[in-house]
Amino acid sequence: MIKKLLLFFTTLLLAATGLQAQSKLPANMFLRKLPNGLDVLVIEDNSVPLATVMITSKNGSYTETPAFNGLSHLYEHMFFKANKDYKSQEEFMDRVSELGIDFNGSTTFENVDYFFTLPKYNLKDGLKFMNSAIRYPKFNAEEMARENIVVDGEFQRKESSPGYALSEAMDHHLWGDLYSRKNPIGNHDIIRNAKPALMDSIKNKYYYPNNCLLTVAGDVLHDDVFKQVTSIYGSWQPSAFDPFQKWPVPEFKPLQKVDNFYVVSNLTQVPVLEINWIGPDTRTDIPATYAADVFSYILNQNSSRLSQSLVQSGLALQANIGYLTLSHSGPITLFVVPNPSKINECLAEVKRQIALFDTDDYVSNEQIETAKLKLGIRQTEEAEVTTDFVKVLSFWWASASIDYFTTYQENLKKVSRADLQEYVRKYIKNKPYCAGLLVNPQLRSQVPAEFVASN
């Protein structure tokens, strides 16, 4: 009887604490916080008789010192193995088959997530299965030794990409001694030699309910889900500390000067130019993140002045700009594939275009309004497939907030030409940057002098 009363009062508390969080959500989304700090998001979508259970932790490369670089990703792999209730990988996989589960996980800069998608009638068992995995992992040394090789193999496949040499060098130049904080794939030696004790140390830092989001989406009813989640996860003990106060993420230092370099690789067939600036973040300059999205969208269209001056003129084969929204210093990246016979001319035109970015006539009113409309449509499309949508929401929960996502379109509408100019002047024009040029040995003699002098 006492247990039932506790559950009843806990449910009332959830309803009360969730009212404010619920106010900005769409009608089919419901957000509550359990007394132990676990955020619970339910998305009702009865289009197919499936349910997805995803748990997200604020973890990832931004928590990693060099000695831990790549271990958040390795932890992700170890998550789908033995735990207290399933004593071996074989038992775990047998239960996956019994429940009809499709599962996966991913590790990024600022979050690690794990999901199960299964028939809706197995939801309660799926919630219990996820509870076993998140709360009671068993880092078996033999299983881990095998997984060290698997994860390192993923790293080696990434290294075989033609652009890897440039992106790796760029990250070292851009982030300096904080490189590991922006490198989710990790370090070969750290990955190969990791032991179970390191997995335990990660769990004891970041895997607590007050640092996690549990999302349940699909053909479900939110009241039922909140009751089940309270019953299953309510006893999960929160940490006695804030992990980001105890182990703070260092602030990424502003660039002090222009940094040019070049990289030679046999894997590339064409030259590639990448220029990076350190952009805004969601802790200190949210308005600039909306301006960054609008500006990037405009410049990436065939009708943009950037495209006309570089691609349509024949100076480049490709030209794109983008910004990655993060809570800790997202990069702004200009990516250009120069015409191999016109590298110097292309570079000169890139510089000329950057100098024009903030001029009054660089983008038209029509381009600004079209960009805002299209970005809003793109966001709406992200919600079409529930199993994909949960990943989108987990990203925003970790790197900004759920409110950032739900108010995105209304904030996009506020972006003006002046906002775009302010963004360019604050983060791009006349600001220090890192510029890297990737060439093959045959093109080495054509590397512009400014890149040679800096290497």
Protein backbone atom coordinates (compact mmCIF):
# COMPACT_ATOMS: atom_id res chain seq x y z
CA MET A 1 0.00 0.00 0.00
CA ILE A 2 2.83 2.39 0.86
CA LYS A 3 4.49 1.68 -2.49
CA LYS A 4 1.23 2.48 -4.33
CA LEU A 5 0.84 5.75 -2.43
CA LEU A 6 4.41 6.75 -3.24
CA LEU A 7 3.78 6.03 -6.92
CA PHE A 8 0.56 8.07 -6.80
CA PHE A 9 2.23 11.12 -5.26
CA THR A 10 5.21 10.81 -7.60
CA THR A 11 2.83 10.86 -10.57
CA LEU A 12 1.18 14.02 -9.19
CA LEU A 13 4.59 15.62 -8.78
CA LEU A 14 5.50 14.75 -12.36
CA ALA A 15 2.33 16.36 -13.63
CA ALA A 16 3.02 19.52 -11.67
CA THR A 17 6.69 19.85 -12.61
CA GLY A 18 5.98 19.12 -16.26
CA LEU A 19 3.42 21.88 -16.85
CA GLN A 20 5.91 24.61 -17.66
CA ALA A 21 8.07 22.37 -19.86
CA GLN A 22 4.99 21.22 -21.76
CA SER A 23 3.81 24.70 -22.67
CA LYS A 24 5.95 25.16 -25.81
CA LEU A 25 5.68 21.62 -27.14
CA PRO A 26 3.49 20.44 -30.04
CA ALA A 27 0.23 18.75 -29.05
CA ASN A 28 1.66 15.23 -29.48
CA MET A 29 4.81 15.82 -27.38
CA PHE A 30 4.99 15.62 -23.59
CA LEU A 31 7.98 16.41 -21.39
CA ARG A 32 8.37 15.61 -17.69
CA LYS A 33 11.23 15.47 -15.22
CA LEU A 34 11.32 12.66 -12.68
CA PRO A 35 12.28 13.51 -9.07
CA ASN A 36 15.67 11.87 -9.71
CA GLY A 37 16.34 14.40 -12.51
CA LEU A 38 15.64 12.14 -15.50
CA ASP A 39 14.06 14.09 -18.37
CA VAL A 40 11.34 12.02 -20.05
CA LEU A 41 9.99 13.01 -23.46
CA VAL A 42 7.03 11.19 -25.02
CA ILE A 43 6.04 11.61 -28.68
CA GLU A 44 2.70 10.13 -29.70
CA ASP A 45 2.60 8.94 -33.31
CA ASN A 46 0.22 6.11 -34.17
CA SER A 47 1.08 5.95 -37.87
CA VAL A 48 2.78 2.56 -37.41
CA PRO A 49 2.44 0.05 -34.52
CA LEU A 50 5.99 0.57 -33.30
CA ALA A 51 7.66 2.25 -30.33
CA THR A 52 11.16 3.65 -30.02
CA VAL A 53 12.97 3.95 -26.70
CA MET A 54 16.06 6.16 -26.75
CA ILE A 55 18.27 7.23 -23.90
CA THR A 56 20.70 10.09 -24.35
CA SER A 57 23.56 11.13 -22.09
CA LYS A 58 25.38 14.45 -22.12
CA ASN A 59 28.68 12.82 -22.90
CA GLY A 60 30.82 12.59 -26.03
CA SER A 61 34.15 13.94 -27.15
CA TYR A 62 33.72 17.29 -25.38
CA THR A 63 34.13 15.47 -22.05
CA GLU A 64 37.33 13.70 -23.13
CA THR A 65 40.88 14.56 -22.11
CA PRO A 66 43.60 13.08 -24.38
CA ALA A 67 43.83 10.05 -22.07
CA PHE A 68 40.12 9.30 -22.69
CA ASN A 69 39.87 10.26 -26.36
CA GLY A 70 37.55 7.80 -28.10
CA LEU A 71 36.27 6.09 -24.96
CA SER A 72 32.77 7.60 -25.15
CA HIS A 73 32.45 5.84 -28.50
CA LEU A 74 33.85 2.60 -27.10
CA TYR A 75 31.35 2.85 -24.21
CA GLU A 76 28.57 3.13 -26.79
CA HIS A 77 29.65 -0.22 -28.25
CA MET A 78 29.88 -1.87 -24.83
CA PHE A 79 26.35 -0.71 -23.99
CA PHE A 80 24.80 -3.44 -26.16
CA LYS A 81 26.48 -6.28 -24.32
CA ALA A 82 26.32 -8.06 -20.99
CA ASN A 83 24.77 -6.43 -17.93
CA LYS A 84 23.45 -7.47 -14.53
CA ASP A 85 20.29 -9.05 -15.96
CA TYR A 86 21.80 -10.50 -19.15
CA LYS A 87 25.03 -12.21 -18.25
CA SER A 88 26.61 -12.41 -21.71
CA GLN A 89 26.44 -10.95 -25.18
CA GLU A 90 24.54 -14.08 -26.26
CA GLU A 91 21.83 -13.56 -23.60
CA PHE A 92 21.55 -9.90 -24.58
CA MET A 93 21.11 -10.75 -28.26
CA ASP A 94 18.61 -13.50 -27.46
CA ARG A 95 16.47 -10.93 -25.67
CA VAL A 96 16.81 -8.57 -28.64
CA SER A 97 15.37 -11.32 -30.85
CA GLU A 98 12.57 -12.17 -28.41
CA LEU A 99 11.38 -8.56 -28.29
CA GLY A 100 11.79 -7.89 -32.01
CA ILE A 101 14.25 -5.05 -31.36
CA ASP A 102 16.17 -3.02 -33.89
CA PHE A 103 18.94 -1.20 -32.01
CA ASN A 104 21.83 1.17 -32.51
CA GLY A 105 23.71 4.03 -30.92
CA SER A 106 25.81 7.03 -31.88
CA THR A 107 28.49 9.21 -30.34
CA THR A 108 28.88 12.87 -31.24
CA PHE A 109 30.62 15.91 -29.83
CA GLU A 110 28.09 16.55 -27.04
CA ASN A 111 25.87 13.50 -26.67
CA VAL A 112 25.80 9.74 -26.80
CA ASP A 113 22.50 8.02 -27.55
CA TYR A 114 21.16 4.48 -27.62
CA PHE A 115 17.84 3.32 -29.05
CA PHE A 116 15.57 0.31 -29.34
CA THR A 117 12.72 0.19 -31.85
CA LEU A 118 10.25 -2.64 -31.24
CA PRO A 119 6.57 -3.62 -31.60
CA LYS A 120 4.42 -1.41 -29.40
CA TYR A 121 3.06 -4.36 -27.40
CA ASN A 122 6.62 -5.03 -26.16
CA LEU A 123 7.13 -1.46 -24.91
CA LYS A 124 7.14 -2.26 -21.19
CA ASP A 125 9.66 -5.06 -21.68
CA GLY A 126 11.70 -2.73 -23.90
CA LEU A 127 11.78 -0.09 -21.15
CA LYS A 128 12.96 -2.71 -18.68
CA PHE A 129 15.58 -3.94 -21.14
CA MET A 130 16.90 -0.41 -21.62
CA ASN A 131 16.92 0.07 -17.85
CA SER A 132 19.17 -2.97 -17.45
CA ALA A 133 21.58 -1.69 -20.07
CA ILE A 134 21.85 1.92 -18.89
CA ARG A 135 22.00 1.28 -15.15
CA TYR A 136 23.80 -2.05 -14.78
CA PRO A 137 26.42 -2.55 -17.52
CA LYS A 138 28.88 -5.37 -17.04
CA PHE A 139 32.12 -4.54 -18.80
CA ASN A 140 33.40 -8.02 -19.52
CA ALA A 141 37.14 -7.95 -20.24
CA GLU A 142 37.00 -10.55 -23.04
CA GLU A 143 34.06 -8.87 -24.77
CA MET A 144 35.79 -5.53 -24.46
CA ALA A 145 39.04 -6.81 -25.95
CA ARG A 146 37.07 -7.88 -29.03
CA GLU A 147 35.23 -4.58 -29.20
CA ASN A 148 38.48 -2.59 -28.97
CA ILE A 149 39.39 -4.08 -32.34
CA VAL A 150 35.94 -3.40 -33.83
CA VAL A 151 35.95 0.27 -32.80
CA ASP A 152 39.51 0.75 -33.99
CA GLY A 153 38.45 -0.78 -37.31
CA GLU A 154 35.82 1.95 -37.66
CA PHE A 155 38.58 4.48 -37.10
CA GLN A 156 40.73 2.89 -39.82
CA ARG A 157 37.84 3.00 -42.30
CA LYS A 158 37.43 6.70 -41.58
CA GLU A 159 41.13 7.22 -42.26
CA SER A 160 40.67 5.74 -45.75
CA SER A 161 38.44 8.65 -46.76
CA PRO A 162 40.17 11.11 -49.14
CA GLY A 163 39.24 14.08 -46.95
CA TYR A 164 40.37 12.59 -43.64
CA ALA A 165 43.93 13.96 -43.76
CA LEU A 166 42.62 17.52 -44.17
CA SER A 167 39.90 17.29 -41.52
CA GLU A 168 42.33 15.74 -39.02
CA ALA A 169 44.93 18.44 -39.60
CA MET A 170 42.25 21.15 -39.48
CA ASP A 171 40.99 19.99 -36.09
CA HIS A 172 44.52 20.14 -34.66
CA HIS A 173 45.07 23.65 -36.04
CA LEU A 174 41.62 24.92 -35.04
CA TRP A 175 41.32 23.47 -31.53
CA GLY A 176 44.97 23.19 -30.49
CA ASP A 177 45.53 21.45 -27.14
CA LEU A 178 41.77 20.87 -26.83
CA TYR A 179 41.75 18.72 -29.98
CA SER A 180 40.50 15.62 -28.12
CA ARG A 181 37.35 17.54 -27.12
CA LYS A 182 36.38 17.78 -30.81
CA ASN A 183 37.40 14.28 -31.91
CA PRO A 184 34.64 11.69 -31.31
CA ILE A 185 36.43 8.90 -33.20
CA GLY A 186 39.35 8.98 -30.75
CA ASN A 187 42.94 7.84 -30.63
CA HIS A 188 44.19 4.45 -31.86
CA ASP A 189 46.31 3.66 -28.81
CA ILE A 190 43.64 4.73 -26.31
CA ILE A 191 40.99 2.62 -28.06
CA ARG A 192 43.15 -0.48 -28.49
CA ASN A 193 44.42 -0.52 -24.90
CA ALA A 194 41.28 0.48 -22.99
CA LYS A 195 40.30 -1.70 -20.03
CA PRO A 196 36.97 -2.17 -18.20
CA ALA A 197 38.02 0.17 -15.38
CA LEU A 198 37.96 3.09 -17.82
CA MET A 199 34.39 2.25 -18.81
CA ASP A 200 33.41 2.25 -15.14
CA SER A 201 34.99 5.66 -14.69
CA ILE A 202 32.89 7.07 -17.56
CA LYS A 203 29.74 5.55 -16.09
CA ASN A 204 30.52 7.01 -12.69
CA LYS A 205 30.93 10.48 -14.19
CA TYR A 206 28.10 10.83 -16.71
CA TYR A 207 25.58 7.99 -16.57
CA TYR A 208 23.10 9.30 -14.04
CA PRO A 209 19.42 10.16 -14.50
CA ASN A 210 20.05 13.87 -13.92
CA ASN A 211 22.37 13.85 -16.96
CA CYS A 212 20.11 11.83 -19.28
CA LEU A 213 17.03 12.13 -21.47
CA LEU A 214 14.70 9.16 -21.98
CA THR A 215 12.60 9.51 -25.13
CA VAL A 216 9.68 7.18 -25.89
CA ALA A 217 8.11 7.71 -29.29
CA GLY A 218 5.62 5.99 -31.54
CA ASP A 219 2.25 4.31 -31.04
CA VAL A 220 2.11 5.03 -27.31
CA LEU A 221 -0.02 6.95 -24.80
CA HIS A 222 1.89 9.48 -22.74
CA ASP A 223 0.08 8.88 -19.45
CA ASP A 224 0.80 5.16 -19.66
CA VAL A 225 4.43 5.79 -20.55
CA PHE A 226 5.01 8.18 -17.65
CA LYS A 227 3.55 5.64 -15.21
CA GLN A 228 5.72 2.83 -16.56
CA VAL A 229 8.84 4.98 -16.63
CA THR A 230 8.25 6.17 -13.06
CA SER A 231 7.90 2.59 -11.90
CA ILE A 232 10.97 1.30 -13.76
CA TYR A 233 13.39 4.24 -13.60
CA GLY A 234 12.22 6.04 -10.45
CA SER A 235 14.70 4.16 -8.25
CA TRP A 236 17.68 5.14 -10.43
CA GLN A 237 19.79 7.23 -8.07
CA PRO A 238 20.96 10.67 -9.24
CA SER A 239 24.53 11.81 -8.86
CA ALA A 240 25.49 13.81 -5.80
CA PHE A 241 27.27 16.28 -8.10
CA ASP A 242 26.97 18.13 -11.39
CA PRO A 243 29.49 16.39 -13.67
CA PHE A 244 30.10 19.61 -15.61
CA GLN A 245 30.97 21.47 -12.44
CA LYS A 246 33.18 18.68 -11.16
CA TRP A 247 34.84 18.10 -14.55
CA PRO A 248 34.19 21.34 -16.46
CA VAL A 249 34.57 21.45 -20.23
CA PRO A 250 37.35 23.97 -20.97
CA GLU A 251 36.42 27.02 -22.99
CA PHE A 252 37.74 26.86 -26.54
CA LYS A 253 40.21 29.67 -27.08
CA PRO A 254 39.56 32.29 -29.77
CA LEU A 255 41.94 32.15 -32.71
CA GLN A 256 44.68 34.77 -32.45
CA LYS A 257 45.86 34.91 -36.07
CA VAL A 258 45.32 33.51 -39.55
CA ASP A 259 46.71 29.98 -39.79
CA ASN A 260 47.37 28.61 -43.30
CA PHE A 261 48.62 25.08 -43.92
CA TYR A 262 48.59 22.41 -46.59
CA VAL A 263 48.38 18.63 -46.51
CA VAL A 264 49.57 16.16 -49.14
CA SER A 265 47.67 12.89 -49.64
CA ASN A 266 47.73 10.23 -52.33
CA LEU A 267 44.03 9.56 -51.70
CA THR A 268 42.71 12.82 -53.14
CA GLN A 269 42.20 13.34 -56.87
CA VAL A 270 41.38 17.05 -56.65
CA PRO A 271 42.52 19.90 -54.39
CA VAL A 272 40.27 20.76 -51.46
CA LEU A 273 40.25 24.05 -49.60
CA GLU A 274 38.70 24.29 -46.13
CA ILE A 275 38.47 27.50 -44.11
CA ASN A 276 37.21 27.41 -40.53
CA TRP A 277 36.22 30.13 -38.11
CA ILE A 278 35.07 29.56 -34.52
CA GLY A 279 31.38 30.37 -34.49
CA PRO A 280 28.68 31.11 -31.91
CA ASP A 281 27.40 28.70 -29.29
CA THR A 282 24.02 28.14 -27.66
CA ARG A 283 25.22 29.22 -24.21
CA THR A 284 26.20 32.78 -25.13
CA ASP A 285 24.79 33.79 -28.53
CA ILE A 286 21.67 31.89 -29.59
CA PRO A 287 20.43 34.62 -32.00
CA ALA A 288 23.60 34.25 -34.09
CA THR A 289 22.91 30.53 -34.54
CA TYR A 290 19.69 31.32 -36.44
CA ALA A 291 21.47 33.92 -38.56
CA ALA A 292 24.21 31.36 -39.30
CA ASP A 293 21.64 28.86 -40.60
CA VAL A 294 19.94 31.43 -42.83
CA PHE A 295 23.22 32.79 -44.18
CA SER A 296 24.56 29.30 -44.94
CA TYR A 297 21.37 28.25 -46.68
CA ILE A 298 21.44 31.28 -48.99
CA LEU A 299 25.09 30.86 -49.96
CA ASN A 300 24.67 27.15 -50.70
CA GLN A 301 22.07 27.77 -53.43
CA ASN A 302 23.07 27.84 -57.10
CA SER A 303 21.65 31.37 -57.31
CA SER A 304 23.99 32.77 -54.65
CA ARG A 305 26.80 35.13 -55.45
CA LEU A 306 29.24 32.68 -53.86
CA SER A 307 28.19 29.90 -56.23
CA GLN A 308 28.12 32.17 -59.27
CA SER A 309 31.57 33.59 -58.60
CA LEU A 310 33.24 30.25 -57.85
CA VAL A 311 31.37 27.31 -59.37
CA GLN A 312 29.54 28.81 -62.32
CA SER A 313 32.60 30.82 -63.29
CA GLY A 314 34.67 27.63 -63.54
CA LEU A 315 37.05 28.53 -60.72
CA ALA A 316 35.74 25.74 -58.46
CA LEU A 317 33.97 22.42 -58.79
CA GLN A 318 32.12 22.88 -55.49
CA ALA A 319 31.60 25.56 -52.85
CA ASN A 320 29.61 25.21 -49.60
CA ILE A 321 29.46 26.90 -46.23
CA GLY A 322 27.99 25.54 -43.01
CA TYR A 323 27.77 26.05 -39.28
CA LEU A 324 27.41 23.35 -36.63
CA THR A 325 25.23 24.45 -33.70
CA LEU A 326 26.77 23.34 -30.40
CA SER A 327 26.80 24.46 -26.79
CA HIS A 328 30.59 24.72 -26.97
CA SER A 329 31.92 26.63 -29.99
CA GLY A 330 30.53 25.24 -33.20
CA PRO A 331 32.79 25.76 -36.24
CA ILE A 332 31.87 27.73 -39.35
CA THR A 333 33.25 25.86 -42.36
CA LEU A 334 33.75 27.10 -45.93
CA PHE A 335 34.48 24.10 -48.16
CA VAL A 336 35.73 24.65 -51.72
CA VAL A 337 37.00 22.25 -54.38
CA PRO A 338 39.16 24.46 -56.63
CA ASN A 339 39.60 23.81 -60.33
CA PRO A 340 43.02 22.06 -60.29
CA SER A 341 44.30 24.39 -63.00
CA LYS A 342 43.12 27.55 -61.24
CA ILE A 343 44.02 27.11 -57.57
CA ASN A 344 45.50 30.60 -57.10
CA GLU A 345 42.68 32.32 -58.98
CA CYS A 346 40.10 30.39 -56.95
CA LEU A 347 41.74 31.31 -53.65
CA ALA A 348 41.81 34.99 -54.61
CA GLU A 349 38.11 34.92 -55.48
CA VAL A 350 37.26 33.15 -52.19
CA LYS A 351 38.93 35.98 -50.29
CA ARG A 352 37.12 38.58 -52.39
CA GLN A 353 33.76 36.94 -51.68
CA ILE A 354 34.40 36.80 -47.93
CA ALA A 355 35.14 40.52 -47.98
CA LEU A 356 31.71 41.09 -49.60
CA PHE A 357 29.70 38.86 -47.24
CA ASP A 358 28.35 41.77 -45.18
CA THR A 359 27.61 44.22 -48.01
CA ASP A 360 24.03 45.40 -48.36
CA ASP A 361 23.45 43.76 -51.74
CA TYR A 362 25.23 40.43 -51.16
CA VAL A 363 21.91 38.68 -50.49
CA SER A 364 18.46 39.76 -51.62
CA ASN A 365 15.28 40.12 -49.58
CA GLU A 366 13.79 37.25 -51.57
CA GLN A 367 16.75 35.00 -50.73
CA ILE A 368 16.41 35.79 -47.03
CA GLU A 369 12.68 35.03 -46.94
CA THR A 370 13.09 31.89 -49.05
CA ALA A 371 15.85 30.61 -46.76
CA LYS A 372 13.70 31.08 -43.66
CA LEU A 373 10.77 29.29 -45.33
CA LYS A 374 12.88 26.39 -46.59
CA LEU A 375 14.67 25.91 -43.27
CA GLY A 376 11.29 25.75 -41.55
CA ILE A 377 10.10 23.14 -44.03
CA ARG A 378 13.29 21.16 -43.49
CA GLN A 379 12.67 21.13 -39.75
CA THR A 380 9.09 19.93 -40.27
CA GLU A 381 10.37 17.11 -42.49
CA GLU A 382 12.66 15.94 -39.66
CA ALA A 383 9.57 14.94 -37.68
CA GLU A 384 8.15 12.68 -40.41
CA VAL A 385 9.95 9.48 -39.36
CA THR A 386 9.70 9.00 -35.61
CA THR A 387 12.74 6.73 -35.29
CA ASP A 388 14.86 9.48 -36.90
CA PHE A 389 13.11 12.32 -35.10
CA VAL A 390 14.13 11.05 -31.67
CA LYS A 391 17.79 11.50 -32.67
CA VAL A 392 17.12 15.07 -33.76
CA LEU A 393 15.47 15.88 -30.44
CA SER A 394 18.21 14.20 -28.40
CA PHE A 395 20.81 16.31 -30.21
CA TRP A 396 18.99 19.55 -29.39
CA TRP A 397 18.34 18.50 -25.78
CA ALA A 398 22.08 18.02 -25.28
CA SER A 399 23.47 20.93 -27.32
CA ALA A 400 20.79 23.55 -26.71
CA SER A 401 17.35 22.59 -25.34
CA ILE A 402 14.08 21.07 -26.48
CA ASP A 403 12.74 24.63 -26.52
CA TYR A 404 15.43 25.58 -29.04
CA PHE A 405 13.92 23.07 -31.42
CA THR A 406 10.26 23.83 -30.76
CA THR A 407 10.76 27.61 -31.12
CA TYR A 408 13.18 27.35 -34.05
CA GLN A 409 10.75 28.41 -36.76
CA GLU A 410 9.39 31.42 -34.88
CA ASN A 411 12.94 32.60 -34.22
CA LEU A 412 13.93 32.04 -37.84
CA LYS A 413 11.18 34.44 -38.89
CA LYS A 414 12.82 37.19 -36.84
CA VAL A 415 16.14 37.01 -38.72
CA SER A 416 16.82 40.21 -40.68
CA ARG A 417 19.49 41.43 -43.08
CA ALA A 418 21.04 43.32 -40.17
CA ASP A 419 21.26 40.06 -38.20
CA LEU A 420 23.10 38.38 -41.08
CA GLN A 421 25.54 41.28 -41.33
CA GLU A 422 26.13 41.28 -37.58
CA TYR A 423 26.82 37.53 -37.66
CA VAL A 424 29.33 37.92 -40.51
CA ARG A 425 31.11 40.83 -38.82
CA LYS A 426 31.23 39.15 -35.43
CA TYR A 427 32.44 35.72 -36.54
CA ILE A 428 33.78 35.76 -40.12
CA LYS A 429 34.89 38.98 -41.81
CA ASN A 430 38.34 40.19 -40.69
CA LYS A 431 38.40 37.47 -38.03
CA PRO A 432 41.26 34.98 -37.57
CA TYR A 433 40.70 31.65 -39.30
CA CYS A 434 42.38 28.37 -40.15
CA ALA A 435 42.73 27.59 -43.86
CA GLY A 436 43.87 24.17 -45.04
CA LEU A 437 44.57 23.02 -48.59
CA LEU A 438 44.58 19.33 -49.46
CA VAL A 439 46.53 18.30 -52.58
CA ASN A 440 48.01 15.15 -54.07
CA PRO A 441 51.76 14.93 -54.81
CA GLN A 442 51.21 15.95 -58.45
CA LEU A 443 49.64 19.26 -57.37
CA ARG A 444 52.14 20.07 -54.66
CA SER A 445 54.02 22.52 -56.85
CA GLN A 446 50.81 24.54 -57.28
CA VAL A 447 50.26 25.19 -53.57
CA PRO A 448 50.00 28.98 -53.12
CA ALA A 449 53.02 30.61 -51.50
CA GLU A 450 51.11 31.74 -48.39
CA PHE A 451 50.34 28.09 -47.54
CA VAL A 452 53.92 26.96 -48.19
CA ALA A 453 55.36 29.72 -46.01
CA SER A 454 53.10 28.77 -43.11
CA ASN A 455 53.90 25.03 -43.13
